[in-house]
Every structure is written in structure tokens, then in C-alpha cells.
Amino acid sequence: MPSKLRTRVIAEWRGMAEPPPERDTFRPINDALGKVMSELGLGDRLKEDEVKRAWHELVGEFLATHSTPVALKDGMLIVRVLQPTLLYELDRVWKPQLLQKLKAKFGQRMVRNVRFRIG
């Protein structure tokens, strides 16, 4: 506060007009980043990263520690799993529920299917 007062007093003493107050031009970085990524043709990569980050919360702690999404291409999410039994469990039992959660979070078009691979 004292520095503003000091600045105003000095400006009045010098006979200079007080500068107009600064406008708040804050914008979330996501807006600019999304626009730049889209212009560079990397919008899909940004979406892929969002899906990868959300995997942990969607599948839970146990499945997240034993599986990792590695790619999202043309609506196909490819997930690497550690064991064949987990591959079977995810593919046969959990796949419909996982797809439903992914579609609810990211929309029908972004993730249309999930493929599990051992690796």
C-alpha cells in the first residue's frame, strides 16, 4: 500500500497523470494450450494424456497399479497389463463397465473401445 501512495505522490509532484488501473486479463492456461495444440495438430495427444491421467481414478487402486494405458488411437484405448489373468478379468468382466465410465467422462467419440495387451 505505501508504494502505491508513494507512486501517486511522486506522479502528482511531477505533474504526470496517473496511469489507468490495469485490467485483469487472466485466462486459464488450458484455453491457450488447447488452442495451440489444436493448431499444431496435436489436439489428440492432449486428449490422450487426459485419458491416461484419469485411468487411475476410473479403475481403482489395484487395477491401476497392474495396468497402464499406453495409447489412444482412433477411439481405441490400448492398455498394457502385467498378467494374463488380469487381461482375462479386464477384457471379459470389467470392459463394459470401464467403457461406460470412459464414455461418461470423455464422451462417446473419444474412447469407443478398449484393447488390453500383456506387456
Protein backbone atom coordinates (compact mmCIF):
# COMPACT_ATOMS: atom_id res chain seq x y z
CA MET A 1 0.00 0.00 0.00
CA PRO A 2 2.74 2.55 0.83
CA SER A 3 4.37 2.04 -2.56
CA LYS A 4 1.13 2.92 -4.36
CA LEU A 5 0.75 6.05 -2.27
CA ARG A 6 4.37 6.96 -2.88
CA THR A 7 3.95 6.45 -6.62
CA ARG A 8 0.85 8.64 -6.68
CA VAL A 9 2.50 11.42 -4.68
CA ILE A 10 5.56 11.41 -6.95
CA ALA A 11 3.34 11.42 -10.06
CA GLU A 12 1.37 14.41 -8.71
CA TRP A 13 4.60 16.22 -7.82
CA ARG A 14 5.98 15.68 -11.32
CA GLY A 15 2.69 16.71 -12.85
CA MET A 16 2.17 13.38 -14.59
CA ALA A 17 -1.22 11.82 -14.98
CA GLU A 18 -1.92 8.69 -13.02
CA PRO A 19 -1.86 5.61 -15.24
CA PRO A 20 -5.18 3.84 -15.67
CA PRO A 21 -5.65 0.78 -13.47
CA GLU A 22 -4.54 -2.49 -15.02
CA ARG A 23 -7.29 -4.73 -16.28
CA ASP A 24 -7.39 -8.32 -15.20
CA THR A 25 -6.76 -10.29 -18.40
CA PHE A 26 -6.30 -13.64 -16.70
CA ARG A 27 -7.26 -16.68 -18.76
CA PRO A 28 -6.83 -20.32 -17.81
CA ILE A 29 -3.76 -21.89 -19.43
CA ASN A 30 -5.92 -24.76 -20.70
CA ASP A 31 -7.67 -22.41 -23.14
CA ALA A 32 -4.44 -21.22 -24.74
CA LEU A 33 -2.76 -24.61 -24.58
CA GLY A 34 -5.71 -26.38 -26.17
CA LYS A 35 -5.84 -23.82 -28.98
CA VAL A 36 -2.10 -24.06 -29.68
CA MET A 37 -2.14 -27.87 -29.58
CA SER A 38 -5.09 -27.97 -32.00
CA GLU A 39 -3.39 -25.54 -34.39
CA LEU A 40 -0.27 -27.71 -34.35
CA GLY A 41 -2.33 -30.84 -35.00
CA LEU A 42 -1.59 -32.21 -31.53
CA GLY A 43 -5.09 -31.93 -30.06
CA ASP A 44 -5.50 -35.69 -30.00
CA ARG A 45 -2.31 -36.09 -28.00
CA LEU A 46 -3.63 -33.69 -25.36
CA LYS A 47 -6.83 -35.73 -25.11
CA GLU A 48 -4.80 -38.93 -24.87
CA ASP A 49 -2.93 -37.53 -21.90
CA GLU A 50 -6.21 -36.62 -20.20
CA VAL A 51 -7.45 -40.18 -20.61
CA LYS A 52 -4.19 -41.60 -19.28
CA ARG A 53 -4.32 -39.37 -16.20
CA ALA A 54 -7.95 -40.32 -15.50
CA TRP A 55 -7.26 -44.08 -15.72
CA HIS A 56 -6.24 -44.36 -12.06
CA GLU A 57 -9.43 -42.81 -10.72
CA LEU A 58 -11.65 -44.75 -13.11
CA VAL A 59 -10.33 -48.25 -12.43
CA GLY A 60 -9.27 -48.00 -8.81
CA GLU A 61 -6.01 -48.52 -6.96
CA PHE A 62 -5.47 -52.25 -7.58
CA LEU A 63 -6.19 -52.27 -11.30
CA ALA A 64 -4.27 -49.04 -11.84
CA THR A 65 -1.11 -50.50 -10.30
CA HIS A 66 -1.30 -53.53 -12.59
CA SER A 67 -2.36 -51.82 -15.82
CA THR A 68 -1.28 -48.75 -17.78
CA PRO A 69 -2.91 -47.04 -20.76
CA VAL A 70 -0.26 -46.66 -23.45
CA ALA A 71 -2.07 -45.16 -26.44
CA LEU A 72 -5.34 -43.76 -27.73
CA LYS A 73 -5.70 -44.08 -31.49
CA ASP A 74 -8.92 -43.57 -33.45
CA GLY A 75 -11.05 -44.11 -30.36
CA MET A 76 -9.22 -47.30 -29.34
CA LEU A 77 -7.60 -47.13 -25.91
CA ILE A 78 -4.74 -49.62 -25.64
CA VAL A 79 -3.96 -50.73 -22.10
CA ARG A 80 -0.91 -52.74 -21.05
CA VAL A 81 -1.50 -55.28 -18.26
CA LEU A 82 1.04 -57.27 -16.26
CA GLN A 83 -0.55 -60.74 -16.07
CA PRO A 84 -2.65 -62.97 -18.33
CA THR A 85 -5.21 -63.50 -15.57
CA LEU A 86 -5.66 -59.76 -15.23
CA LEU A 87 -6.01 -59.46 -19.00
CA TYR A 88 -8.80 -62.03 -18.95
CA GLU A 89 -10.52 -60.36 -16.00
CA LEU A 90 -10.38 -56.88 -17.52
CA ASP A 91 -11.38 -58.00 -21.00
CA ARG A 92 -14.23 -60.33 -20.06
CA VAL A 93 -15.60 -58.88 -16.83
CA TRP A 94 -14.66 -55.21 -16.45
CA LYS A 95 -14.56 -53.99 -20.06
CA PRO A 96 -18.25 -52.93 -20.38
CA GLN A 97 -18.11 -51.01 -17.09
CA LEU A 98 -14.80 -49.36 -17.98
CA LEU A 99 -16.10 -48.31 -21.39
CA GLN A 100 -19.21 -46.86 -19.78
CA LYS A 101 -17.10 -44.83 -17.32
CA LEU A 102 -14.74 -43.62 -20.05
CA LYS A 103 -17.61 -42.60 -22.31
CA ALA A 104 -19.36 -40.82 -19.46
CA LYS A 105 -16.21 -38.85 -18.62
CA PHE A 106 -14.85 -38.13 -22.13
CA GLY A 107 -17.83 -38.54 -24.45
CA GLN A 108 -18.95 -41.22 -26.86
CA ARG A 109 -16.49 -40.37 -29.62
CA MET A 110 -13.18 -40.09 -27.79
CA VAL A 111 -12.98 -43.65 -26.41
CA ARG A 112 -15.06 -46.15 -28.37
CA ASN A 113 -13.27 -49.35 -27.39
CA VAL A 114 -10.57 -50.69 -25.08
CA ARG A 115 -7.97 -53.29 -26.01
CA PHE A 116 -5.84 -54.98 -23.38
CA ARG A 117 -2.36 -56.33 -24.07
CA ILE A 118 0.19 -58.15 -21.96
CA GLY A 119 3.40 -56.28 -21.60
